[in-house]
Structures are given as C-alpha cells and as structure tokens.
C-alpha atoms as a PDB file:
ATOM      1  CA  MET A   1       0.000   0.000   0.000  1.00  0.00           C
ATOM      2  CA  ILE A   2       0.962   3.616  -0.595  1.00  0.00           C
ATOM      3  CA  ARG A   3       0.282   6.477   1.813  1.00  0.00           C
ATOM      4  CA  VAL A   4       0.235  10.134   0.855  1.00  0.00           C
ATOM      5  CA  THR A   5       0.644  12.469   3.825  1.00  0.00           C
ATOM      6  CA  VAL A   6      -0.411  16.076   3.241  1.00  0.00           C
ATOM      7  CA  LEU A   7       0.955  18.584   5.756  1.00  0.00           C
ATOM      8  CA  TYR A   8      -0.646  22.026   5.917  1.00  0.00           C
ATOM      9  CA  SER A   9       1.614  24.505   7.721  1.00  0.00           C
ATOM     10  CA  ALA A  10       0.070  26.751  10.346  1.00  0.00           C
ATOM     11  CA  SER A  11      -1.379  29.730   8.500  1.00  0.00           C
ATOM     12  CA  SER A  12      -3.614  32.707   8.921  1.00  0.00           C
ATOM     13  CA  ARG A  13      -6.488  30.983   7.119  1.00  0.00           C
ATOM     14  CA  PHE A  14      -7.798  27.421   7.179  1.00  0.00           C
ATOM     15  CA  ASP A  15     -11.535  26.974   6.588  1.00  0.00           C
ATOM     16  CA  TRP A  16     -12.294  23.726   8.402  1.00  0.00           C
ATOM     17  CA  ASP A  17     -15.966  23.756   7.394  1.00  0.00           C
ATOM     18  CA  TYR A  18     -15.133  23.923   3.673  1.00  0.00           C
ATOM     19  CA  TYR A  19     -12.298  21.417   4.006  1.00  0.00           C
ATOM     20  CA  LEU A  20     -14.434  18.812   5.784  1.00  0.00           C
ATOM     21  CA  SER A  21     -17.722  19.379   3.953  1.00  0.00           C
ATOM     22  CA  THR A  22     -16.482  20.025   0.402  1.00  0.00           C
ATOM     23  CA  HIS A  23     -12.801  19.275  -0.260  1.00  0.00           C
ATOM     24  CA  THR A  24     -12.325  15.916   1.456  1.00  0.00           C
ATOM     25  CA  PRO A  25     -15.637  14.487   0.143  1.00  0.00           C
ATOM     26  CA  MET A  26     -14.572  15.555  -3.368  1.00  0.00           C
ATOM     27  CA  VAL A  27     -11.215  13.778  -2.987  1.00  0.00           C
ATOM     28  CA  GLU A  28     -12.959  10.629  -1.745  1.00  0.00           C
ATOM     29  CA  ARG A  29     -15.554  10.724  -4.548  1.00  0.00           C
ATOM     30  CA  LEU A  30     -12.865  11.100  -7.213  1.00  0.00           C
ATOM     31  CA  GLY A  31     -10.351   8.718  -5.637  1.00  0.00           C
ATOM     32  CA  LYS A  32     -12.379   5.742  -4.420  1.00  0.00           C
ATOM     33  CA  PRO A  33     -13.157   4.381  -7.924  1.00  0.00           C
ATOM     34  CA  LEU A  34      -9.428   4.584  -8.735  1.00  0.00           C
ATOM     35  CA  GLY A  35      -8.056   2.773  -5.654  1.00  0.00           C
ATOM     36  CA  LEU A  36      -8.211   5.244  -2.763  1.00  0.00           C
ATOM     37  CA  ILE A  37      -8.817   3.071   0.303  1.00  0.00           C
ATOM     38  CA  SER A  38      -9.174   5.715   2.998  1.00  0.00           C
ATOM     39  CA  LEU A  39      -8.670   9.357   3.860  1.00  0.00           C
ATOM     40  CA  THR A  40      -8.108  10.508   7.434  1.00  0.00           C
ATOM     41  CA  VAL A  41      -7.748  14.054   8.760  1.00  0.00           C
ATOM     42  CA  ASP A  42      -6.013  15.242  11.927  1.00  0.00           C
ATOM     43  CA  ARG A  43      -6.582  18.708  13.375  1.00  0.00           C
ATOM     44  CA  CYS A  44      -3.232  19.597  14.922  1.00  0.00           C
ATOM     45  CA  VAL A  45      -3.411  21.027  18.422  1.00  0.00           C
ATOM     46  CA  SER A  46       0.201  21.252  19.648  1.00  0.00           C
ATOM     47  CA  SER A  47       3.664  19.796  19.508  1.00  0.00           C
ATOM     48  CA  LEU A  48       4.945  17.575  22.301  1.00  0.00           C
ATOM     49  CA  GLY A  49       5.559  19.730  25.338  1.00  0.00           C
ATOM     50  CA  GLY A  50       2.699  22.074  24.448  1.00  0.00           C
ATOM     51  CA  ALA A  51       4.448  24.300  21.917  1.00  0.00           C
ATOM     52  CA  PRO A  52       2.294  25.411  19.002  1.00  0.00           C
ATOM     53  CA  SER A  53       2.146  22.888  16.180  1.00  0.00           C
ATOM     54  CA  PRO A  54       3.937  23.830  12.972  1.00  0.00           C
ATOM     55  CA  TYR A  55       0.921  22.335  11.155  1.00  0.00           C
ATOM     56  CA  VAL A  56      -2.768  23.142  11.258  1.00  0.00           C
ATOM     57  CA  CYS A  57      -3.840  19.913   9.554  1.00  0.00           C
ATOM     58  CA  ILE A  58      -2.419  16.573   8.470  1.00  0.00           C
ATOM     59  CA  ALA A  59      -4.323  14.424   5.982  1.00  0.00           C
ATOM     60  CA  GLN A  60      -3.398  10.851   5.076  1.00  0.00           C
ATOM     61  CA  LEU A  61      -4.623   9.092   1.956  1.00  0.00           C
ATOM     62  CA  LEU A  62      -4.128   5.348   1.637  1.00  0.00           C
ATOM     63  CA  PHE A  63      -4.003   3.794  -1.847  1.00  0.00           C
ATOM     64  CA  GLN A  64      -3.903   0.192  -3.011  1.00  0.00           C
ATOM     65  CA  ASP A  65      -0.659   0.819  -4.894  1.00  0.00           C
ATOM     66  CA  GLU A  66       1.367   3.400  -6.832  1.00  0.00           C
ATOM     67  CA  ALA A  67      -0.757   2.786  -9.949  1.00  0.00           C
ATOM     68  CA  ALA A  68      -3.889   3.859  -8.029  1.00  0.00           C
ATOM     69  CA  LEU A  69      -2.177   7.021  -6.809  1.00  0.00           C
ATOM     70  CA  GLY A  70      -0.935   7.740 -10.331  1.00  0.00           C
ATOM     71  CA  ALA A  71      -4.407   7.213 -11.785  1.00  0.00           C
ATOM     72  CA  MET A  72      -5.986   9.635  -9.333  1.00  0.00           C
ATOM     73  CA  LEU A  73      -3.320  12.283  -9.840  1.00  0.00           C
ATOM     74  CA  GLY A  74      -3.398  11.842 -13.599  1.00  0.00           C
ATOM     75  CA  GLN A  75      -7.161  12.130 -13.883  1.00  0.00           C
ATOM     76  CA  HIS A  76      -8.013  14.523 -11.050  1.00  0.00           C
ATOM     77  CA  GLY A  77      -4.817  16.056  -9.634  1.00  0.00           C
ATOM     78  CA  GLY A  78      -5.388  19.426 -11.278  1.00  0.00           C
ATOM     79  CA  GLU A  79      -8.939  19.702  -9.967  1.00  0.00           C
ATOM     80  CA  ILE A  80      -7.923  18.696  -6.443  1.00  0.00           C
ATOM     81  CA  LEU A  81      -4.974  21.110  -6.302  1.00  0.00           C
ATOM     82  CA  ALA A  82      -7.045  23.947  -7.785  1.00  0.00           C
ATOM     83  CA  ASP A  83      -9.476  23.634  -4.854  1.00  0.00           C
ATOM     84  CA  ILE A  84      -6.826  24.298  -2.179  1.00  0.00           C
ATOM     85  CA  PRO A  85      -7.106  28.131  -2.303  1.00  0.00           C
ATOM     86  CA  ASN A  86     -10.810  27.775  -1.466  1.00  0.00           C
ATOM     87  CA  TYR A  87      -9.952  26.706   2.087  1.00  0.00           C
ATOM     88  CA  THR A  88      -6.376  27.748   2.909  1.00  0.00           C
ATOM     89  CA  ASP A  89      -3.370  29.882   2.118  1.00  0.00           C
ATOM     90  CA  ALA A  90      -1.104  27.445   3.994  1.00  0.00           C
ATOM     91  CA  ALA A  91       2.100  26.137   2.496  1.00  0.00           C
ATOM     92  CA  THR A  92       1.480  22.489   1.713  1.00  0.00           C
ATOM     93  CA  SER A  93       3.936  19.581   1.706  1.00  0.00           C
ATOM     94  CA  MET A  94       3.145  16.102   0.403  1.00  0.00           C
ATOM     95  CA  VAL A  95       5.057  12.936   1.235  1.00  0.00           C
ATOM     96  CA  VAL A  96       4.538   9.592  -0.517  1.00  0.00           C
ATOM     97  CA  SER A  97       5.523   6.495   1.443  1.00  0.00           C
ATOM     98  CA  ALA A  98       5.256   2.728   1.172  1.00  0.00           C
ATOM     99  CA  VAL A  99       3.389   1.311   4.156  1.00  0.00           C
ATOM    100  CA  ALA A 100       5.782  -1.000   6.016  1.00  0.00           C
ATOM    101  CA  GLN A 101       3.260  -2.530   8.427  1.00  0.00           C
END
C-alpha cells in the first residue's frame, strides 16, 4: 500500500468547514473508484511539550498501490490542487511512502 501524507503549515487561514464538507468528500468521490482506500484528517493542536504545532492539519490518503495514486493524480490532480485556495493559504507539503506494516 501507498500512503500520501499532506501537511498544511500553520497559516492565517484554514476553513475547516469547507475542508471537511467540500474538499475531502470531493477527494474521496474522485479517488475511491481509482483505488483510494481511505482518507483521514487530523486537526493539529500542539507539539509535544505544548508548543504550538507547525501544522494546522495533516491528511493521510491510503491507496492500493502506486498505480492507483498515479491514476488519481493523472485524472483529477489538477482539480484537487485547484481547490486548495478555497480553504487555505497554507504552504502544503506532500510525502509519498510505502506502508511497512
């Protein structure tokens, strides 16, 4: 399995209502037929020790394999990325990993 971790840096604007009611359902609707297994969202509250978190949100998308990820990005990547400004101005990092366990 392949996991994509999306890290949204702490920013001045993150519209949780839009993200949870519009963006993530869109990603699931587009991705599930192509091999998206699950999408989870964490609302970051702090770093260990209580310092502010460097991230406001972390999303994790689990795919059957690299082909499924490639299919989703190839068919819908532009649409998904174009929606980001509708809910945040945060710098976004994405990490692709192979699930070890």
